[in-house]
Amino acid sequence: MPDERQCPYERSALKARRGFITYAVLAVTALVTAIALCYGLGRPSMWIARGGAVMAGLAFLADLKARDMADVFKPSGWVGDTFPIAKKKYFPQTRLFLKVSVALVLIGTAVWGFGDLMPSRSA
């Protein structure tokens, strides 16, 4: 009968994945909130740039978690029997998370730099 417990590789990958998803959702939420403040409540457009700054910071933390997840699958020594199974299951997801995190950082940085140039109702 196979062991039903999670292997250590899977446990580490899932922990990093939770962190990535948390930070990525917070990053997008920060930008959406800033845009809602600007257009919904008539705030100046500089709030969009500030939301981009917060988004870039949170996206950077998401990138760190995505890299933590990738590091699980770059062992520096002997690996257990469950490593190939966990790698096959989670490594494609890890590559996607790395790409998404870089995209979030770039979007946040662009919004941070140019968000105050967007038109708003309070202008």
PDB file of N, CA and C in Angstrom:
ATOM      1  N   MET A   1       0.843  -1.171   0.000  1.00  0.00           N
ATOM      2  CA  MET A   1       0.000   0.000   0.000  1.00  0.00           C
ATOM      3  C   MET A   1       0.895   1.244   0.000  1.00  0.00           C
ATOM      4  N   PRO A   2       0.699   2.157  -0.964  1.00  0.00           N
ATOM      5  CA  PRO A   2       1.561   3.336  -1.040  1.00  0.00           C
ATOM      6  C   PRO A   2       1.312   4.309   0.105  1.00  0.00           C
ATOM      7  N   ASP A   3       2.350   5.053   0.423  1.00  0.00           N
ATOM      8  CA  ASP A   3       2.276   6.040   1.494  1.00  0.00           C
ATOM      9  C   ASP A   3       1.453   7.234   1.016  1.00  0.00           C
ATOM     10  N   GLU A   4       0.430   7.620   1.760  1.00  0.00           N
ATOM     11  CA  GLU A   4      -0.474   8.691   1.373  1.00  0.00           C
ATOM     12  C   GLU A   4       0.015  10.082   1.783  1.00  0.00           C
ATOM     13  N   ARG A   5       1.086  10.164   2.557  1.00  0.00           N
ATOM     14  CA  ARG A   5       1.596  11.461   2.990  1.00  0.00           C
ATOM     15  C   ARG A   5       2.243  12.205   1.818  1.00  0.00           C
ATOM     16  N   GLN A   6       2.275  13.542   1.908  1.00  0.00           N
ATOM     17  CA  GLN A   6       2.940  14.343   0.887  1.00  0.00           C
ATOM     18  C   GLN A   6       4.451  14.194   1.028  1.00  0.00           C
ATOM     19  N   CYS A   7       5.112  14.140  -0.107  1.00  0.00           N
ATOM     20  CA  CYS A   7       6.573  14.090  -0.066  1.00  0.00           C
ATOM     21  C   CYS A   7       7.107  15.475   0.289  1.00  0.00           C
ATOM     22  N   PRO A   8       8.325  15.562   0.784  1.00  0.00           N
ATOM     23  CA  PRO A   8       8.872  16.874   1.181  1.00  0.00           C
ATOM     24  C   PRO A   8       8.978  17.856   0.014  1.00  0.00           C
ATOM     25  N   TYR A   9       9.216  17.360  -1.199  1.00  0.00           N
ATOM     26  CA  TYR A   9       9.305  18.241  -2.365  1.00  0.00           C
ATOM     27  C   TYR A   9       7.946  18.870  -2.647  1.00  0.00           C
ATOM     28  N   GLU A  10       6.920  18.054  -2.587  1.00  0.00           N
ATOM     29  CA  GLU A  10       5.570  18.561  -2.835  1.00  0.00           C
ATOM     30  C   GLU A  10       5.155  19.547  -1.753  1.00  0.00           C
ATOM     31  N   ARG A  11       5.476  19.252  -0.520  1.00  0.00           N
ATOM     32  CA  ARG A  11       5.134  20.138   0.592  1.00  0.00           C
ATOM     33  C   ARG A  11       5.803  21.508   0.426  1.00  0.00           C
ATOM     34  N   SER A  12       7.080  21.522   0.062  1.00  0.00           N
ATOM     35  CA  SER A  12       7.812  22.773  -0.147  1.00  0.00           C
ATOM     36  C   SER A  12       7.257  23.550  -1.342  1.00  0.00           C
ATOM     37  N   ALA A  13       6.944  22.838  -2.414  1.00  0.00           N
ATOM     38  CA  ALA A  13       6.394  23.494  -3.606  1.00  0.00           C
ATOM     39  C   ALA A  13       5.035  24.115  -3.307  1.00  0.00           C
ATOM     40  N   LEU A  14       4.197  23.404  -2.575  1.00  0.00           N
ATOM     41  CA  LEU A  14       2.868  23.931  -2.254  1.00  0.00           C
ATOM     42  C   LEU A  14       2.944  25.137  -1.324  1.00  0.00           C
ATOM     43  N   LYS A  15       3.895  25.133  -0.408  1.00  0.00           N
ATOM     44  CA  LYS A  15       4.057  26.274   0.494  1.00  0.00           C
ATOM     45  C   LYS A  15       4.463  27.515  -0.299  1.00  0.00           C
ATOM     46  N   ALA A  16       5.414  27.368  -1.212  1.00  0.00           N
ATOM     47  CA  ALA A  16       5.840  28.496  -2.044  1.00  0.00           C
ATOM     48  C   ALA A  16       4.718  28.926  -2.978  1.00  0.00           C
ATOM     49  N   ARG A  17       3.938  27.970  -3.487  1.00  0.00           N
ATOM     50  CA  ARG A  17       2.823  28.308  -4.377  1.00  0.00           C
ATOM     51  C   ARG A  17       1.784  29.145  -3.659  1.00  0.00           C
ATOM     52  N   ARG A  18       1.492  28.799  -2.413  1.00  0.00           N
ATOM     53  CA  ARG A  18       0.539  29.601  -1.626  1.00  0.00           C
ATOM     54  C   ARG A  18       1.017  31.038  -1.481  1.00  0.00           C
ATOM     55  N   GLY A  19       2.304  31.208  -1.198  1.00  0.00           N
ATOM     56  CA  GLY A  19       2.873  32.538  -1.087  1.00  0.00           C
ATOM     57  C   GLY A  19       2.803  33.302  -2.397  1.00  0.00           C
ATOM     58  N   PHE A  20       3.107  32.617  -3.502  1.00  0.00           N
ATOM     59  CA  PHE A  20       3.037  33.272  -4.811  1.00  0.00           C
ATOM     60  C   PHE A  20       1.624  33.743  -5.098  1.00  0.00           C
ATOM     61  N   ILE A  21       0.660  32.877  -4.922  1.00  0.00           N
ATOM     62  CA  ILE A  21      -0.726  33.237  -5.235  1.00  0.00           C
ATOM     63  C   ILE A  21      -1.189  34.393  -4.353  1.00  0.00           C
ATOM     64  N   THR A  22      -0.825  34.372  -3.081  1.00  0.00           N
ATOM     65  CA  THR A  22      -1.213  35.449  -2.170  1.00  0.00           C
ATOM     66  C   THR A  22      -0.657  36.782  -2.642  1.00  0.00           C
ATOM     67  N   TYR A  23       0.643  36.843  -2.914  1.00  0.00           N
ATOM     68  CA  TYR A  23       1.263  38.093  -3.336  1.00  0.00           C
ATOM     69  C   TYR A  23       0.780  38.543  -4.716  1.00  0.00           C
ATOM     70  N   ALA A  24       0.568  37.617  -5.626  1.00  0.00           N
ATOM     71  CA  ALA A  24       0.095  37.984  -6.965  1.00  0.00           C
ATOM     72  C   ALA A  24      -1.316  38.568  -6.904  1.00  0.00           C
ATOM     73  N   VAL A  25      -2.177  37.954  -6.113  1.00  0.00           N
ATOM     74  CA  VAL A  25      -3.541  38.478  -5.968  1.00  0.00           C
ATOM     75  C   VAL A  25      -3.517  39.854  -5.296  1.00  0.00           C
ATOM     76  N   LEU A  26      -2.690  40.013  -4.284  1.00  0.00           N
ATOM     77  CA  LEU A  26      -2.570  41.323  -3.632  1.00  0.00           C
ATOM     78  C   LEU A  26      -2.038  42.384  -4.596  1.00  0.00           C
ATOM     79  N   ALA A  27      -1.107  42.009  -5.464  1.00  0.00           N
ATOM     80  CA  ALA A  27      -0.546  42.959  -6.432  1.00  0.00           C
ATOM     81  C   ALA A  27      -1.623  43.455  -7.391  1.00  0.00           C
ATOM     82  N   VAL A  28      -2.400  42.542  -7.924  1.00  0.00           N
ATOM     83  CA  VAL A  28      -3.471  42.933  -8.842  1.00  0.00           C
ATOM     84  C   VAL A  28      -4.539  43.734  -8.105  1.00  0.00           C
ATOM     85  N   THR A  29      -4.849  43.333  -6.889  1.00  0.00           N
ATOM     86  CA  THR A  29      -5.844  44.046  -6.090  1.00  0.00           C
ATOM     87  C   THR A  29      -5.405  45.477  -5.797  1.00  0.00           C
ATOM     88  N   ALA A  30      -4.130  45.689  -5.551  1.00  0.00           N
ATOM     89  CA  ALA A  30      -3.618  47.038  -5.286  1.00  0.00           C
ATOM     90  C   ALA A  30      -3.839  47.945  -6.488  1.00  0.00           C
ATOM     91  N   LEU A  31      -3.568  47.434  -7.675  1.00  0.00           N
ATOM     92  CA  LEU A  31      -3.755  48.247  -8.869  1.00  0.00           C
ATOM     93  C   LEU A  31      -5.232  48.517  -9.129  1.00  0.00           C
ATOM     94  N   VAL A  32      -6.056  47.503  -8.997  1.00  0.00           N
ATOM     95  CA  VAL A  32      -7.494  47.678  -9.218  1.00  0.00           C
ATOM     96  C   VAL A  32      -8.068  48.665  -8.212  1.00  0.00           C
ATOM     97  N   THR A  33      -7.632  48.604  -6.972  1.00  0.00           N
ATOM     98  CA  THR A  33      -8.092  49.538  -5.946  1.00  0.00           C
ATOM     99  C   THR A  33      -7.688  50.967  -6.288  1.00  0.00           C
ATOM    100  N   ALA A  34      -6.455  51.147  -6.741  1.00  0.00           N
ATOM    101  CA  ALA A  34      -5.994  52.488  -7.112  1.00  0.00           C
ATOM    102  C   ALA A  34      -6.794  53.040  -8.289  1.00  0.00           C
ATOM    103  N   ILE A  35      -7.064  52.203  -9.261  1.00  0.00           N
ATOM    104  CA  ILE A  35      -7.863  52.645 -10.408  1.00  0.00           C
ATOM    105  C   ILE A  35      -9.285  52.975  -9.973  1.00  0.00           C
ATOM    106  N   ALA A  36      -9.841  52.158  -9.077  1.00  0.00           N
ATOM    107  CA  ALA A  36     -11.190  52.436  -8.574  1.00  0.00           C
ATOM    108  C   ALA A  36     -11.229  53.744  -7.795  1.00  0.00           C
ATOM    109  N   LEU A  37     -10.204  54.011  -7.010  1.00  0.00           N
ATOM    110  CA  LEU A  37     -10.130  55.286  -6.281  1.00  0.00           C
ATOM    111  C   LEU A  37     -10.080  56.461  -7.245  1.00  0.00           C
ATOM    112  N   CYS A  38      -9.308  56.291  -8.294  1.00  0.00           N
ATOM    113  CA  CYS A  38      -9.120  57.374  -9.248  1.00  0.00           C
ATOM    114  C   CYS A  38     -10.400  57.666 -10.027  1.00  0.00           C
ATOM    115  N   TYR A  39     -10.962  56.650 -10.615  1.00  0.00           N
ATOM    116  CA  TYR A  39     -12.116  56.866 -11.485  1.00  0.00           C
ATOM    117  C   TYR A  39     -13.442  56.833 -10.735  1.00  0.00           C
ATOM    118  N   GLY A  40     -13.546  55.989  -9.720  1.00  0.00           N
ATOM    119  CA  GLY A  40     -14.804  55.869  -9.005  1.00  0.00           C
ATOM    120  C   GLY A  40     -15.058  56.996  -8.023  1.00  0.00           C
ATOM    121  N   LEU A  41     -14.010  57.448  -7.349  1.00  0.00           N
ATOM    122  CA  LEU A  41     -14.178  58.482  -6.328  1.00  0.00           C
ATOM    123  C   LEU A  41     -13.616  59.835  -6.750  1.00  0.00           C
ATOM    124  N   GLY A  42     -13.149  59.935  -7.981  1.00  0.00           N
ATOM    125  CA  GLY A  42     -12.661  61.201  -8.485  1.00  0.00           C
ATOM    126  C   GLY A  42     -11.340  61.649  -7.905  1.00  0.00           C
ATOM    127  N   ARG A  43     -10.490  60.742  -7.503  1.00  0.00           N
ATOM    128  CA  ARG A  43      -9.169  61.090  -6.973  1.00  0.00           C
ATOM    129  C   ARG A  43      -8.229  61.447  -8.124  1.00  0.00           C
ATOM    130  N   PRO A  44      -7.138  62.156  -7.831  1.00  0.00           N
ATOM    131  CA  PRO A  44      -6.176  62.497  -8.892  1.00  0.00           C
ATOM    132  C   PRO A  44      -5.511  61.238  -9.460  1.00  0.00           C
ATOM    133  N   SER A  45      -5.054  61.354 -10.715  1.00  0.00           N
ATOM    134  CA  SER A  45      -4.478  60.181 -11.389  1.00  0.00           C
ATOM    135  C   SER A  45      -3.157  59.735 -10.781  1.00  0.00           C
ATOM    136  N   MET A  46      -2.545  60.537  -9.913  1.00  0.00           N
ATOM    137  CA  MET A  46      -1.298  60.087  -9.280  1.00  0.00           C
ATOM    138  C   MET A  46      -1.540  58.855  -8.409  1.00  0.00           C
ATOM    139  N   TRP A  47      -2.794  58.610  -8.025  1.00  0.00           N
ATOM    140  CA  TRP A  47      -3.100  57.412  -7.243  1.00  0.00           C
ATOM    141  C   TRP A  47      -2.907  56.143  -8.071  1.00  0.00           C
ATOM    142  N   ILE A  48      -3.060  56.254  -9.375  1.00  0.00           N
ATOM    143  CA  ILE A  48      -2.793  55.089 -10.228  1.00  0.00           C
ATOM    144  C   ILE A  48      -1.304  54.766 -10.173  1.00  0.00           C
ATOM    145  N   ALA A  49      -0.460  55.796 -10.238  1.00  0.00           N
ATOM    146  CA  ALA A  49       0.987  55.568 -10.149  1.00  0.00           C
ATOM    147  C   ALA A  49       1.360  54.972  -8.799  1.00  0.00           C
ATOM    148  N   ARG A  50       0.739  55.465  -7.745  1.00  0.00           N
ATOM    149  CA  ARG A  50       1.021  54.903  -6.417  1.00  0.00           C
ATOM    150  C   ARG A  50       0.572  53.448  -6.333  1.00  0.00           C
ATOM    151  N   GLY A  51      -0.545  53.138  -6.951  1.00  0.00           N
ATOM    152  CA  GLY A  51      -0.989  51.741  -7.000  1.00  0.00           C
ATOM    153  C   GLY A  51      -0.015  50.871  -7.773  1.00  0.00           C
ATOM    154  N   GLY A  52       0.586  51.448  -8.828  1.00  0.00           N
ATOM    155  CA  GLY A  52       1.606  50.720  -9.587  1.00  0.00           C
ATOM    156  C   GLY A  52       2.841  50.440  -8.754  1.00  0.00           C
ATOM    157  N   ALA A  53       3.198  51.402  -7.879  1.00  0.00           N
ATOM    158  CA  ALA A  53       4.351  51.194  -6.997  1.00  0.00           C
ATOM    159  C   ALA A  53       4.083  50.047  -6.025  1.00  0.00           C
ATOM    160  N   VAL A  54       2.898  50.042  -5.442  1.00  0.00           N
ATOM    161  CA  VAL A  54       2.537  48.957  -4.524  1.00  0.00           C
ATOM    162  C   VAL A  54       2.480  47.635  -5.277  1.00  0.00           C
ATOM    163  N   MET A  55       1.912  47.680  -6.491  1.00  0.00           N
ATOM    164  CA  MET A  55       1.827  46.464  -7.299  1.00  0.00           C
ATOM    165  C   MET A  55       3.219  45.921  -7.612  1.00  0.00           C
ATOM    166  N   ALA A  56       4.145  46.803  -7.981  1.00  0.00           N
ATOM    167  CA  ALA A  56       5.507  46.353  -8.304  1.00  0.00           C
ATOM    168  C   ALA A  56       6.172  45.700  -7.094  1.00  0.00           C
ATOM    169  N   GLY A  57       5.974  46.278  -5.918  1.00  0.00           N
ATOM    170  CA  GLY A  57       6.558  45.693  -4.709  1.00  0.00           C
ATOM    171  C   GLY A  57       5.978  44.325  -4.386  1.00  0.00           C
ATOM    172  N   LEU A  58       4.664  44.208  -4.468  1.00  0.00           N
ATOM    173  CA  LEU A  58       4.026  42.921  -4.181  1.00  0.00           C
ATOM    174  C   LEU A  58       4.347  41.890  -5.263  1.00  0.00           C
ATOM    175  N   ALA A  59       4.453  42.346  -6.507  1.00  0.00           N
ATOM    176  CA  ALA A  59       4.818  41.431  -7.595  1.00  0.00           C
ATOM    177  C   ALA A  59       6.246  40.924  -7.416  1.00  0.00           C
ATOM    178  N   PHE A  60       7.125  41.761  -6.888  1.00  0.00           N
ATOM    179  CA  PHE A  60       8.491  41.317  -6.596  1.00  0.00           C
ATOM    180  C   PHE A  60       8.469  40.206  -5.544  1.00  0.00           C
ATOM    181  N   LEU A  61       7.643  40.370  -4.510  1.00  0.00           N
ATOM    182  CA  LEU A  61       7.528  39.314  -3.496  1.00  0.00           C
ATOM    183  C   LEU A  61       6.940  38.042  -4.099  1.00  0.00           C
ATOM    184  N   ALA A  62       5.988  38.192  -5.030  1.00  0.00           N
ATOM    185  CA  ALA A  62       5.442  37.020  -5.726  1.00  0.00           C
ATOM    186  C   ALA A  62       6.536  36.334  -6.538  1.00  0.00           C
ATOM    187  N   ASP A  63       7.402  37.126  -7.162  1.00  0.00           N
ATOM    188  CA  ASP A  63       8.509  36.562  -7.932  1.00  0.00           C
ATOM    189  C   ASP A  63       9.463  35.777  -7.033  1.00  0.00           C
ATOM    190  N   LEU A  64       9.730  36.299  -5.845  1.00  0.00           N
ATOM    191  CA  LEU A  64      10.588  35.571  -4.906  1.00  0.00           C
ATOM    192  C   LEU A  64       9.977  34.212  -4.544  1.00  0.00           C
ATOM    193  N   LYS A  65       8.669  34.180  -4.338  1.00  0.00           N
ATOM    194  CA  LYS A  65       8.004  32.913  -4.003  1.00  0.00           C
ATOM    195  C   LYS A  65       8.018  31.960  -5.199  1.00  0.00           C
ATOM    196  N   ALA A  66       7.842  32.489  -6.410  1.00  0.00           N
ATOM    197  CA  ALA A  66       7.910  31.636  -7.606  1.00  0.00           C
ATOM    198  C   ALA A  66       9.308  31.040  -7.740  1.00  0.00           C
ATOM    199  N   ARG A  67      10.321  31.829  -7.425  1.00  0.00           N
ATOM    200  CA  ARG A  67      11.699  31.317  -7.483  1.00  0.00           C
ATOM    201  C   ARG A  67      11.964  30.308  -6.362  1.00  0.00           C
ATOM    202  N   ASP A  68      11.333  30.505  -5.206  1.00  0.00           N
ATOM    203  CA  ASP A  68      11.431  29.494  -4.139  1.00  0.00           C
ATOM    204  C   ASP A  68      10.850  28.172  -4.617  1.00  0.00           C
ATOM    205  N   MET A  69       9.726  28.255  -5.330  1.00  0.00           N
ATOM    206  CA  MET A  69       9.100  27.042  -5.855  1.00  0.00           C
ATOM    207  C   MET A  69      10.000  26.379  -6.900  1.00  0.00           C
ATOM    208  N   ALA A  70      10.651  27.180  -7.742  1.00  0.00           N
ATOM    209  CA  ALA A  70      11.555  26.623  -8.750  1.00  0.00           C
ATOM    210  C   ALA A  70      12.783  25.995  -8.099  1.00  0.00           C
ATOM    211  N   ASP A  71      13.250  26.583  -7.007  1.00  0.00           N
ATOM    212  CA  ASP A  71      14.430  26.049  -6.316  1.00  0.00           C
ATOM    213  C   ASP A  71      14.200  24.656  -5.736  1.00  0.00           C
ATOM    214  N   VAL A  72      12.945  24.339  -5.446  1.00  0.00           N
ATOM    215  CA  VAL A  72      12.633  22.997  -4.941  1.00  0.00           C
ATOM    216  C   VAL A  72      13.052  21.952  -5.971  1.00  0.00           C
ATOM    217  N   PHE A  73      12.940  22.309  -7.256  1.00  0.00           N
ATOM    218  CA  PHE A  73      13.212  21.346  -8.318  1.00  0.00           C
ATOM    219  C   PHE A  73      14.616  21.493  -8.899  1.00  0.00           C
ATOM    220  N   LYS A  74      15.503  22.146  -8.152  1.00  0.00           N
ATOM    221  CA  LYS A  74      16.921  22.241  -8.519  1.00  0.00           C
ATOM    222  C   LYS A  74      17.759  21.755  -7.339  1.00  0.00           C
ATOM    223  N   PRO A  75      17.661  20.484  -7.017  1.00  0.00           N
ATOM    224  CA  PRO A  75      18.385  19.988  -5.842  1.00  0.00           C
ATOM    225  C   PRO A  75      19.898  19.978  -6.083  1.00  0.00           C
ATOM    226  N   SER A  76      20.633  20.058  -5.017  1.00  0.00           N
ATOM    227  CA  SER A  76      22.088  20.074  -5.131  1.00  0.00           C
ATOM    228  C   SER A  76      22.713  18.791  -4.599  1.00  0.00           C
ATOM    229  N   GLY A  77      22.009  17.733  -4.702  1.00  0.00           N
ATOM    230  CA  GLY A  77      22.540  16.468  -4.215  1.00  0.00           C
ATOM    231  C   GLY A  77      21.591  15.326  -4.520  1.00  0.00           C
ATOM    232  N   TRP A  78      21.672  14.318  -3.723  1.00  0.00           N
ATOM    233  CA  TRP A  78      20.826  13.150  -3.887  1.00  0.00           C
ATOM    234  C   TRP A  78      19.371  13.532  -3.677  1.00  0.00           C
ATOM    235  N   VAL A  79      18.490  12.930  -4.472  1.00  0.00           N
ATOM    236  CA  VAL A  79      17.059  13.185  -4.331  1.00  0.00           C
ATOM    237  C   VAL A  79      16.351  11.872  -4.013  1.00  0.00           C
ATOM    238  N   GLY A  80      15.195  12.023  -3.386  1.00  0.00           N
ATOM    239  CA  GLY A  80      14.413  10.850  -3.016  1.00  0.00           C
ATOM    240  C   GLY A  80      13.628  10.283  -4.190  1.00  0.00           C
ATOM    241  N   ASP A  81      12.978   9.178  -3.933  1.00  0.00           N
ATOM    242  CA  ASP A  81      12.194   8.496  -4.966  1.00  0.00           C
ATOM    243  C   ASP A  81      11.006   9.319  -5.442  1.00  0.00           C
ATOM    244  N   THR A  82      10.515  10.207  -4.603  1.00  0.00           N
ATOM    245  CA  THR A  82       9.322  10.973  -4.958  1.00  0.00           C
ATOM    246  C   THR A  82       9.638  12.237  -5.751  1.00  0.00           C
ATOM    247  N   PHE A  83      10.918  12.559  -5.918  1.00  0.00           N
ATOM    248  CA  PHE A  83      11.292  13.781  -6.631  1.00  0.00           C
ATOM    249  C   PHE A  83      10.774  13.814  -8.066  1.00  0.00           C
ATOM    250  N   PRO A  84      10.973  12.774  -8.879  1.00  0.00           N
ATOM    251  CA  PRO A  84      10.499  12.847 -10.273  1.00  0.00           C
ATOM    252  C   PRO A  84       8.975  13.022 -10.372  1.00  0.00           C
ATOM    253  N   ILE A  85       8.263  12.423  -9.459  1.00  0.00           N
ATOM    254  CA  ILE A  85       6.802  12.545  -9.474  1.00  0.00           C
ATOM    255  C   ILE A  85       6.395  13.980  -9.171  1.00  0.00           C
ATOM    256  N   ALA A  86       6.998  14.555  -8.130  1.00  0.00           N
ATOM    257  CA  ALA A  86       6.673  15.939  -7.762  1.00  0.00           C
ATOM    258  C   ALA A  86       7.110  16.907  -8.860  1.00  0.00           C
ATOM    259  N   LYS A  87       8.256  16.665  -9.467  1.00  0.00           N
ATOM    260  CA  LYS A  87       8.731  17.555 -10.521  1.00  0.00           C
ATOM    261  C   LYS A  87       7.802  17.511 -11.730  1.00  0.00           C
ATOM    262  N   LYS A  88       7.384  16.330 -12.097  1.00  0.00           N
ATOM    263  CA  LYS A  88       6.464  16.197 -13.239  1.00  0.00           C
ATOM    264  C   LYS A  88       5.133  16.883 -12.944  1.00  0.00           C
ATOM    265  N   LYS A  89       4.718  16.835 -11.711  1.00  0.00           N
ATOM    266  CA  LYS A  89       3.416  17.392 -11.325  1.00  0.00           C
ATOM    267  C   LYS A  89       3.444  18.916 -11.208  1.00  0.00           C
ATOM    268  N   TYR A  90       4.533  19.490 -10.667  1.00  0.00           N
ATOM    269  CA  TYR A  90       4.551  20.915 -10.338  1.00  0.00           C
ATOM    270  C   TYR A  90       5.486  21.789 -11.167  1.00  0.00           C
ATOM    271  N   PHE A  91       6.431  21.222 -11.887  1.00  0.00           N
ATOM    272  CA  PHE A  91       7.395  22.068 -12.590  1.00  0.00           C
ATOM    273  C   PHE A  91       6.769  22.888 -13.712  1.00  0.00           C
ATOM    274  N   PRO A  92       5.825  22.348 -14.503  1.00  0.00           N
ATOM    275  CA  PRO A  92       5.177  23.202 -15.513  1.00  0.00           C
ATOM    276  C   PRO A  92       4.458  24.404 -14.880  1.00  0.00           C
ATOM    277  N   GLN A  93       3.856  24.182 -13.751  1.00  0.00           N
ATOM    278  CA  GLN A  93       3.197  25.254 -13.007  1.00  0.00           C
ATOM    279  C   GLN A  93       4.218  26.287 -12.550  1.00  0.00           C
ATOM    280  N   THR A  94       5.368  25.834 -12.138  1.00  0.00           N
ATOM    281  CA  THR A  94       6.429  26.722 -11.686  1.00  0.00           C
ATOM    282  C   THR A  94       6.902  27.634 -12.815  1.00  0.00           C
ATOM    283  N   ARG A  95       7.090  27.070 -13.998  1.00  0.00           N
ATOM    284  CA  ARG A  95       7.507  27.889 -15.151  1.00  0.00           C
ATOM    285  C   ARG A  95       6.463  28.955 -15.456  1.00  0.00           C
ATOM    286  N   LEU A  96       5.193  28.602 -15.373  1.00  0.00           N
ATOM    287  CA  LEU A  96       4.121  29.574 -15.601  1.00  0.00           C
ATOM    288  C   LEU A  96       4.158  30.674 -14.547  1.00  0.00           C
ATOM    289  N   PHE A  97       4.341  30.308 -13.286  1.00  0.00           N
ATOM    290  CA  PHE A  97       4.385  31.293 -12.204  1.00  0.00           C
ATOM    291  C   PHE A  97       5.550  32.261 -12.376  1.00  0.00           C
ATOM    292  N   LEU A  98       6.700  31.763 -12.835  1.00  0.00           N
ATOM    293  CA  LEU A  98       7.846  32.636 -13.066  1.00  0.00           C
ATOM    294  C   LEU A  98       7.530  33.667 -14.150  1.00  0.00           C
ATOM    295  N   LYS A  99       6.878  33.234 -15.219  1.00  0.00           N
ATOM    296  CA  LYS A  99       6.515  34.157 -16.299  1.00  0.00           C
ATOM    297  C   LYS A  99       5.478  35.174 -15.830  1.00  0.00           C
ATOM    298  N   VAL A 100       4.491  34.721 -15.089  1.00  0.00           N
ATOM    299  CA  VAL A 100       3.453  35.623 -14.585  1.00  0.00           C
ATOM    300  C   VAL A 100       4.057  36.641 -13.625  1.00  0.00           C
ATOM    301  N   SER A 101       4.961  36.208 -12.768  1.00  0.00           N
ATOM    302  CA  SER A 101       5.546  37.139 -11.799  1.00  0.00           C
ATOM    303  C   SER A 101       6.370  38.215 -12.486  1.00  0.00           C
ATOM    304  N   VAL A 102       7.110  37.855 -13.518  1.00  0.00           N
ATOM    305  CA  VAL A 102       7.884  38.851 -14.257  1.00  0.00           C
ATOM    306  C   VAL A 102       6.935  39.827 -14.959  1.00  0.00           C
ATOM    307  N   ALA A 103       5.859  39.311 -15.537  1.00  0.00           N
ATOM    308  CA  ALA A 103       4.879  40.182 -16.190  1.00  0.00           C
ATOM    309  C   ALA A 103       4.249  41.148 -15.188  1.00  0.00           C
ATOM    310  N   LEU A 104       3.927  40.665 -13.998  1.00  0.00           N
ATOM    311  CA  LEU A 104       3.348  41.540 -12.978  1.00  0.00           C
ATOM    312  C   LEU A 104       4.328  42.637 -12.557  1.00  0.00           C
ATOM    313  N   VAL A 105       5.594  42.289 -12.409  1.00  0.00           N
ATOM    314  CA  VAL A 105       6.597  43.288 -12.046  1.00  0.00           C
ATOM    315  C   VAL A 105       6.710  44.343 -13.148  1.00  0.00           C
ATOM    316  N   LEU A 106       6.745  43.908 -14.401  1.00  0.00           N
ATOM    317  CA  LEU A 106       6.868  44.853 -15.508  1.00  0.00           C
ATOM    318  C   LEU A 106       5.635  45.752 -15.632  1.00  0.00           C
ATOM    319  N   ILE A 107       4.460  45.180 -15.475  1.00  0.00           N
ATOM    320  CA  ILE A 107       3.228  45.975 -15.526  1.00  0.00           C
ATOM    321  C   ILE A 107       3.204  46.979 -14.378  1.00  0.00           C
ATOM    322  N   GLY A 108       3.517  46.514 -13.180  1.00  0.00           N
ATOM    323  CA  GLY A 108       3.538  47.411 -12.024  1.00  0.00           C
ATOM    324  C   GLY A 108       4.528  48.546 -12.198  1.00  0.00           C
ATOM    325  N   THR A 109       5.702  48.243 -12.751  1.00  0.00           N
ATOM    326  CA  THR A 109       6.714  49.271 -12.972  1.00  0.00           C
ATOM    327  C   THR A 109       6.253  50.277 -14.020  1.00  0.00           C
ATOM    328  N   ALA A 110       5.636  49.801 -15.098  1.00  0.00           N
ATOM    329  CA  ALA A 110       5.128  50.709 -16.136  1.00  0.00           C
ATOM    330  C   ALA A 110       4.021  51.606 -15.596  1.00  0.00           C
ATOM    331  N   VAL A 111       3.123  51.034 -14.818  1.00  0.00           N
ATOM    332  CA  VAL A 111       2.044  51.833 -14.233  1.00  0.00           C
ATOM    333  C   VAL A 111       2.616  52.823 -13.226  1.00  0.00           C
ATOM    334  N   TRP A 112       3.598  52.407 -12.470  1.00  0.00           N
ATOM    335  CA  TRP A 112       4.254  53.286 -11.502  1.00  0.00           C
ATOM    336  C   TRP A 112       4.872  54.492 -12.219  1.00  0.00           C
ATOM    337  N   GLY A 113       5.494  54.241 -13.338  1.00  0.00           N
ATOM    338  CA  GLY A 113       6.159  55.308 -14.071  1.00  0.00           C
ATOM    339  C   GLY A 113       5.223  56.222 -14.845  1.00  0.00           C
ATOM    340  N   PHE A 114       4.144  55.667 -15.381  1.00  0.00           N
ATOM    341  CA  PHE A 114       3.297  56.443 -16.272  1.00  0.00           C
ATOM    342  C   PHE A 114       1.843  56.563 -15.808  1.00  0.00           C
ATOM    343  N   GLY A 115       1.519  56.036 -14.642  1.00  0.00           N
ATOM    344  CA  GLY A 115       0.141  56.046 -14.157  1.00  0.00           C
ATOM    345  C   GLY A 115      -0.409  57.434 -13.918  1.00  0.00           C
ATOM    346  N   ASP A 116       0.448  58.382 -13.577  1.00  0.00           N
ATOM    347  CA  ASP A 116      -0.045  59.736 -13.316  1.00  0.00           C
ATOM    348  C   ASP A 116      -0.401  60.470 -14.605  1.00  0.00           C
ATOM    349  N   LEU A 117      -0.041  59.923 -15.754  1.00  0.00           N
ATOM    350  CA  LEU A 117      -0.369  60.540 -17.031  1.00  0.00           C
ATOM    351  C   LEU A 117      -1.743  60.144 -17.554  1.00  0.00           C
ATOM    352  N   MET A 118      -2.382  59.190 -16.895  1.00  0.00           N
ATOM    353  CA  MET A 118      -3.698  58.747 -17.330  1.00  0.00           C
ATOM    354  C   MET A 118      -4.741  59.811 -16.967  1.00  0.00           C
ATOM    355  N   PRO A 119      -5.702  60.003 -17.848  1.00  0.00           N
ATOM    356  CA  PRO A 119      -6.725  61.001 -17.551  1.00  0.00           C
ATOM    357  C   PRO A 119      -7.651  60.534 -16.417  1.00  0.00           C
ATOM    358  N   SER A 120      -8.125  61.458 -15.622  1.00  0.00           N
ATOM    359  CA  SER A 120      -9.083  61.122 -14.572  1.00  0.00           C
ATOM    360  C   SER A 120     -10.151  62.208 -14.515  1.00  0.00           C
ATOM    361  N   ARG A 121     -11.216  61.940 -13.786  1.00  0.00           N
ATOM    362  CA  ARG A 121     -12.317  62.904 -13.689  1.00  0.00           C
ATOM    363  C   ARG A 121     -11.931  64.131 -12.894  1.00  0.00           C
ATOM    364  N   SER A 122     -10.946  64.014 -12.007  1.00  0.00           N
ATOM    365  CA  SER A 122     -10.593  65.145 -11.152  1.00  0.00           C
ATOM    366  C   SER A 122      -9.587  66.092 -11.791  1.00  0.00           C
ATOM    367  N   ALA A 123      -9.107  65.747 -12.979  1.00  0.00           N
ATOM    368  CA  ALA A 123      -8.101  66.576 -13.646  1.00  0.00           C
ATOM    369  C   ALA A 123      -8.706  67.887 -13.992  1.00  0.00           C
TER     370      ALA A 123
END
